[in-house]
C-alpha atoms as a PDB file:
ATOM      1  CA  UNK A   1     -16.605 -28.367  37.530  1.00  0.00           C
ATOM      2  CA  UNK A   2     -19.582 -28.382  38.860  1.00  0.00           C
ATOM      3  CA  UNK A   3     -22.924 -27.767  36.926  1.00  0.00           C
ATOM      4  CA  UNK A   4     -24.313 -25.260  39.498  1.00  0.00           C
ATOM      5  CA  UNK A   5     -21.723 -23.484  39.500  1.00  0.00           C
ATOM      6  CA  UNK A   6     -23.168 -19.774  40.004  1.00  0.00           C
ATOM      7  CA  UNK A   7     -21.301 -16.779  37.738  1.00  0.00           C
ATOM      8  CA  UNK A   8     -20.357 -14.985  41.152  1.00  0.00           C
ATOM      9  CA  UNK A   9     -18.216 -18.580  41.981  1.00  0.00           C
ATOM     10  CA  UNK A  10     -14.885 -18.179  39.183  1.00  0.00           C
ATOM     11  CA  UNK A  11     -15.076 -14.465  38.176  1.00  0.00           C
ATOM     12  CA  UNK A  12     -15.863 -13.595  34.448  1.00  0.00           C
ATOM     13  CA  UNK A  13     -17.207 -17.228  34.126  1.00  0.00           C
ATOM     14  CA  UNK A  14     -21.238 -17.784  32.786  1.00  0.00           C
ATOM     15  CA  UNK A  15     -23.499 -19.848  35.180  1.00  0.00           C
ATOM     16  CA  UNK A  16     -22.375 -22.853  33.073  1.00  0.00           C
ATOM     17  CA  UNK A  17     -18.563 -22.176  33.218  1.00  0.00           C
ATOM     18  CA  UNK A  18     -17.626 -20.942  29.861  1.00  0.00           C
ATOM     19  CA  UNK A  19     -15.748 -17.608  29.856  1.00  0.00           C
ATOM     20  CA  UNK A  20     -17.868 -14.374  27.555  1.00  0.00           C
ATOM     21  CA  UNK A  21     -15.818 -15.506  24.823  1.00  0.00           C
ATOM     22  CA  UNK A  22     -16.158 -18.921  24.595  1.00  0.00           C
ATOM     23  CA  UNK A  23     -19.974 -18.701  24.933  1.00  0.00           C
ATOM     24  CA  UNK A  24     -20.368 -16.061  22.468  1.00  0.00           C
ATOM     25  CA  UNK A  25     -16.949 -17.994  19.553  1.00  0.00           C
ATOM     26  CA  UNK A  26     -19.362 -21.083  20.228  1.00  0.00           C
ATOM     27  CA  UNK A  27     -22.749 -19.318  19.911  1.00  0.00           C
ATOM     28  CA  UNK A  28     -21.507 -17.679  16.819  1.00  0.00           C
ATOM     29  CA  UNK A  29     -20.084 -21.551  14.653  1.00  0.00           C
ATOM     30  CA  UNK A  30     -23.641 -22.215  16.071  1.00  0.00           C
ATOM     31  CA  UNK A  31     -24.481 -20.365  13.457  1.00  0.00           C
ATOM     32  CA  UNK A  32     -25.684 -20.887   9.276  1.00  0.00           C
ATOM     33  CA  UNK A  33     -26.461 -17.534   8.925  1.00  0.00           C
ATOM     34  CA  UNK A  34     -23.568 -16.868  10.549  1.00  0.00           C
ATOM     35  CA  UNK A  35     -21.330 -19.269   8.789  1.00  0.00           C
ATOM     36  CA  UNK A  36     -23.136 -17.754   5.144  1.00  0.00           C
ATOM     37  CA  UNK A  37     -21.971 -14.115   6.153  1.00  0.00           C
ATOM     38  CA  UNK A  38     -18.274 -14.953   7.781  1.00  0.00           C
ATOM     39  CA  UNK A  39     -18.756 -13.081  10.568  1.00  0.00           C
ATOM     40  CA  UNK A  40     -16.111 -13.787  13.104  1.00  0.00           C
ATOM     41  CA  UNK A  41     -15.823 -12.965  16.378  1.00  0.00           C
ATOM     42  CA  UNK A  42     -14.063  -9.904  17.825  1.00  0.00           C
ATOM     43  CA  UNK A  43     -13.121  -8.215  21.871  1.00  0.00           C
ATOM     44  CA  UNK A  44     -15.541  -9.777  23.787  1.00  0.00           C
ATOM     45  CA  UNK A  45     -15.409  -9.272  27.215  1.00  0.00           C
ATOM     46  CA  UNK A  46     -18.568  -8.529  30.060  1.00  0.00           C
ATOM     47  CA  UNK A  47     -21.121  -7.033  28.488  1.00  0.00           C
ATOM     48  CA  UNK A  48     -19.584  -6.333  25.403  1.00  0.00           C
ATOM     49  CA  UNK A  49     -19.494  -8.096  21.766  1.00  0.00           C
ATOM     50  CA  UNK A  50     -17.500  -7.397  18.594  1.00  0.00           C
ATOM     51  CA  UNK A  51     -18.283  -8.778  15.548  1.00  0.00           C
ATOM     52  CA  UNK A  52     -16.782  -8.147  12.170  1.00  0.00           C
ATOM     53  CA  UNK A  53     -17.820  -9.182   8.801  1.00  0.00           C
ATOM     54  CA  UNK A  54     -15.940  -8.081   5.925  1.00  0.00           C
ATOM     55  CA  UNK A  55     -17.466  -7.254   3.078  1.00  0.00           C
ATOM     56  CA  UNK A  56     -18.205  -8.971  -0.480  1.00  0.00           C
ATOM     57  CA  UNK A  57     -19.711  -8.456  -3.974  1.00  0.00           C
ATOM     58  CA  UNK A  58     -22.991 -11.012  -3.005  1.00  0.00           C
ATOM     59  CA  UNK A  59     -23.147  -8.952   0.655  1.00  0.00           C
ATOM     60  CA  UNK A  60     -23.337  -5.311  -1.380  1.00  0.00           C
ATOM     61  CA  UNK A  61     -27.124  -4.023  -2.516  1.00  0.00           C
ATOM     62  CA  UNK A  62     -27.286  -2.100  -6.037  1.00  0.00           C
ATOM     63  CA  UNK A  63     -24.856   0.359  -5.530  1.00  0.00           C
ATOM     64  CA  UNK A  64     -22.531  -1.751  -4.195  1.00  0.00           C
ATOM     65  CA  UNK A  65     -22.520  -0.558   0.113  1.00  0.00           C
ATOM     66  CA  UNK A  66     -22.855  -3.530   2.093  1.00  0.00           C
ATOM     67  CA  UNK A  67     -26.798  -4.352   1.911  1.00  0.00           C
ATOM     68  CA  UNK A  68     -28.805  -3.397   4.960  1.00  0.00           C
ATOM     69  CA  UNK A  69     -29.920  -6.577   5.491  1.00  0.00           C
ATOM     70  CA  UNK A  70     -26.156  -7.675   6.914  1.00  0.00           C
ATOM     71  CA  UNK A  71     -26.032  -4.234   8.894  1.00  0.00           C
ATOM     72  CA  UNK A  72     -28.828  -5.649  10.380  1.00  0.00           C
ATOM     73  CA  UNK A  73     -27.494  -8.675  11.435  1.00  0.00           C
ATOM     74  CA  UNK A  74     -24.561  -7.377  12.937  1.00  0.00           C
ATOM     75  CA  UNK A  75     -26.273  -5.016  14.676  1.00  0.00           C
ATOM     76  CA  UNK A  76     -29.476  -7.358  16.665  1.00  0.00           C
ATOM     77  CA  UNK A  77     -26.095 -10.521  16.714  1.00  0.00           C
ATOM     78  CA  UNK A  78     -23.887  -8.075  18.863  1.00  0.00           C
ATOM     79  CA  UNK A  79     -26.396  -7.875  20.922  1.00  0.00           C
ATOM     80  CA  UNK A  80     -27.246 -11.193  21.532  1.00  0.00           C
ATOM     81  CA  UNK A  81     -23.556 -12.000  22.273  1.00  0.00           C
ATOM     82  CA  UNK A  82     -23.081  -8.336  24.492  1.00  0.00           C
ATOM     83  CA  UNK A  83     -26.628 -10.545  26.754  1.00  0.00           C
ATOM     84  CA  UNK A  84     -24.923 -13.396  26.735  1.00  0.00           C
ATOM     85  CA  UNK A  85     -22.573 -12.711  28.078  1.00  0.00           C
ATOM     86  CA  UNK A  86     -24.787 -11.571  31.009  1.00  0.00           C
ATOM     87  CA  UNK A  87     -26.301 -14.629  30.867  1.00  0.00           C
ATOM     88  CA  UNK A  88     -28.472 -14.457  34.773  1.00  0.00           C
ATOM     89  CA  UNK A  89     -27.707 -18.510  36.707  1.00  0.00           C
ATOM     90  CA  UNK A  90     -30.552 -20.951  35.447  1.00  0.00           C
ATOM     91  CA  UNK A  91     -30.829 -18.817  31.688  1.00  0.00           C
ATOM     92  CA  UNK A  92     -29.805 -20.948  29.210  1.00  0.00           C
ATOM     93  CA  UNK A  93     -29.920 -18.953  26.479  1.00  0.00           C
ATOM     94  CA  UNK A  94     -31.785 -15.493  25.196  1.00  0.00           C
ATOM     95  CA  UNK A  95     -33.544 -14.301  22.056  1.00  0.00           C
ATOM     96  CA  UNK A  96     -34.844 -11.379  21.221  1.00  0.00           C
ATOM     97  CA  UNK A  97     -37.834  -9.536  21.049  1.00  0.00           C
ATOM     98  CA  UNK A  98     -36.905  -6.635  20.015  1.00  0.00           C
ATOM     99  CA  UNK A  99     -33.943  -3.797  18.173  1.00  0.00           C
ATOM    100  CA  UNK A 100     -34.360  -0.540  16.177  1.00  0.00           C
ATOM    101  CA  UNK A 101     -32.144  -0.553  14.143  1.00  0.00           C
ATOM    102  CA  UNK A 102     -31.416   3.666  12.421  1.00  0.00           C
ATOM    103  CA  UNK A 103     -28.827   3.582   9.525  1.00  0.00           C
ATOM    104  CA  UNK A 104     -27.148   6.939  10.107  1.00  0.00           C
ATOM    105  CA  UNK A 105     -24.531   6.548   6.559  1.00  0.00           C
ATOM    106  CA  UNK A 106     -23.866   4.489   3.522  1.00  0.00           C
ATOM    107  CA  UNK A 107     -22.322   1.413   4.798  1.00  0.00           C
ATOM    108  CA  UNK A 108     -18.956   1.255   2.577  1.00  0.00           C
ATOM    109  CA  UNK A 109     -15.243  -0.046   2.899  1.00  0.00           C
ATOM    110  CA  UNK A 110     -13.750  -3.431   3.726  1.00  0.00           C
ATOM    111  CA  UNK A 111     -15.319  -4.191   6.431  1.00  0.00           C
ATOM    112  CA  UNK A 112     -18.307  -3.793   8.944  1.00  0.00           C
ATOM    113  CA  UNK A 113     -17.924  -3.865  12.606  1.00  0.00           C
ATOM    114  CA  UNK A 114     -21.010  -3.763  15.622  1.00  0.00           C
ATOM    115  CA  UNK A 115     -19.563  -2.974  19.235  1.00  0.00           C
ATOM    116  CA  UNK A 116     -22.376  -3.835  20.967  1.00  0.00           C
ATOM    117  CA  UNK A 117     -22.556  -2.732  24.705  1.00  0.00           C
ATOM    118  CA  UNK A 118     -25.155  -3.282  27.780  1.00  0.00           C
ATOM    119  CA  UNK A 119     -26.830  -0.219  28.993  1.00  0.00           C
ATOM    120  CA  UNK A 120     -29.071  -3.132  31.487  1.00  0.00           C
ATOM    121  CA  UNK A 121     -28.963  -6.437  31.994  1.00  0.00           C
ATOM    122  CA  UNK A 122     -31.974  -7.975  34.330  1.00  0.00           C
ATOM    123  CA  UNK A 123     -33.590 -11.300  35.347  1.00  0.00           C
ATOM    124  CA  UNK A 124     -34.835 -11.529  32.315  1.00  0.00           C
ATOM    125  CA  UNK A 125     -34.549  -9.455  29.792  1.00  0.00           C
ATOM    126  CA  UNK A 126     -31.579  -7.184  28.783  1.00  0.00           C
ATOM    127  CA  UNK A 127     -30.507  -4.286  27.079  1.00  0.00           C
ATOM    128  CA  UNK A 128     -27.529  -3.496  24.394  1.00  0.00           C
ATOM    129  CA  UNK A 129     -26.952  -0.305  22.428  1.00  0.00           C
ATOM    130  CA  UNK A 130     -24.555  -1.719  19.571  1.00  0.00           C
ATOM    131  CA  UNK A 131     -23.260   0.799  16.599  1.00  0.00           C
ATOM    132  CA  UNK A 132     -22.404  -0.656  13.556  1.00  0.00           C
ATOM    133  CA  UNK A 133     -18.996   0.881  11.400  1.00  0.00           C
ATOM    134  CA  UNK A 134     -17.590   0.536   7.878  1.00  0.00           C
ATOM    135  CA  UNK A 135     -13.879   0.304   7.274  1.00  0.00           C
ATOM    136  CA  UNK A 136     -11.820   0.997   4.999  1.00  0.00           C
ATOM    137  CA  UNK A 137      -8.639   0.169   3.824  1.00  0.00           C
ATOM    138  CA  UNK A 138      -6.329   1.760   6.207  1.00  0.00           C
ATOM    139  CA  UNK A 139      -8.139   1.383   8.842  1.00  0.00           C
ATOM    140  CA  UNK A 140     -10.611   4.803   9.921  1.00  0.00           C
ATOM    141  CA  UNK A 141     -13.726   3.818  10.890  1.00  0.00           C
ATOM    142  CA  UNK A 142     -17.296   5.118   9.933  1.00  0.00           C
ATOM    143  CA  UNK A 143     -20.617   4.805  11.802  1.00  0.00           C
ATOM    144  CA  UNK A 144     -23.069   2.941   9.653  1.00  0.00           C
ATOM    145  CA  UNK A 145     -26.063   2.751  12.453  1.00  0.00           C
ATOM    146  CA  UNK A 146     -26.230   2.788  15.671  1.00  0.00           C
ATOM    147  CA  UNK A 147     -29.281  -0.551  17.415  1.00  0.00           C
ATOM    148  CA  UNK A 148     -31.018  -0.573  20.385  1.00  0.00           C
ATOM    149  CA  UNK A 149     -31.923  -4.254  21.041  1.00  0.00           C
ATOM    150  CA  UNK A 150     -34.332  -5.979  24.113  1.00  0.00           C
ATOM    151  CA  UNK A 151     -33.686  -8.617  24.007  1.00  0.00           C
ATOM    152  CA  UNK A 152     -35.301 -12.008  26.531  1.00  0.00           C
ATOM    153  CA  UNK A 153     -33.187 -15.055  28.578  1.00  0.00           C
ATOM    154  CA  UNK A 154     -34.248 -18.009  28.093  1.00  0.00           C
ATOM    155  CA  UNK A 155     -34.496 -20.302  31.042  1.00  0.00           C
ATOM    156  CA  UNK A 156     -35.688 -24.254  31.390  1.00  0.00           C
ATOM    157  CA  UNK A 157     -39.673 -24.718  31.221  1.00  0.00           C
ATOM    158  CA  UNK A 158     -40.047 -21.383  29.198  1.00  0.00           C
ATOM    159  CA  UNK A 159     -40.874 -22.938  25.874  1.00  0.00           C
END
């Protein structure tokens, strides 16, 4: 595959020829903090990404809920993963420039699951809405947080 291939050349591929799932999986496994919390990639498609973290004692706060920092991590990273599936031609990466997180209920369950969906992707930035849920042992999900994030695409020479 040529290095100058654009995303429009082969449907579903990003400018560098990676599938959205391959990119999200590669980026997530290169982040030490993602490995620390044990994040896993779920369903990924253009404009959408899902991440999960299994609940464990070292990720909880004093009341036994999944720590808000872990919920914030999931919201931020699911937003970034969703935005990365829409990487414009010429962009090499992205960073979060802002996010707002509303915690709507204590994060209690066997796992936390974040689903990010692109609201609007442009050449320089991308807006993503992410919802974070906690799942009980029977598969039922309860909404615990809603995030609205803006991510900035990085181009060679931006840094």
